[in-house]
């Protein structure tokens, strides 16, 4: 019984950590998306590629949604 109690406590602690981390990651991605849309993610080659891929992907999804409707 003692090991089971310890395992449950450990699971709860790790699950809480994982949930909080997922919330932080989701918030980061939301802010990063806004930066990309506003062109505030930098002027380097990686930032330019990131904007290019983001806008091409966004336009492709919009086009597919328009066709499916």
Foldseek 3Di string as FASTA:
>chain_A
DVVVVVVVVVVVVVVVVVVVVVVVVVVVVVVVVVCLVVVNPDDDPVSVVVNVVVVVVVVVVVVVVVVVD
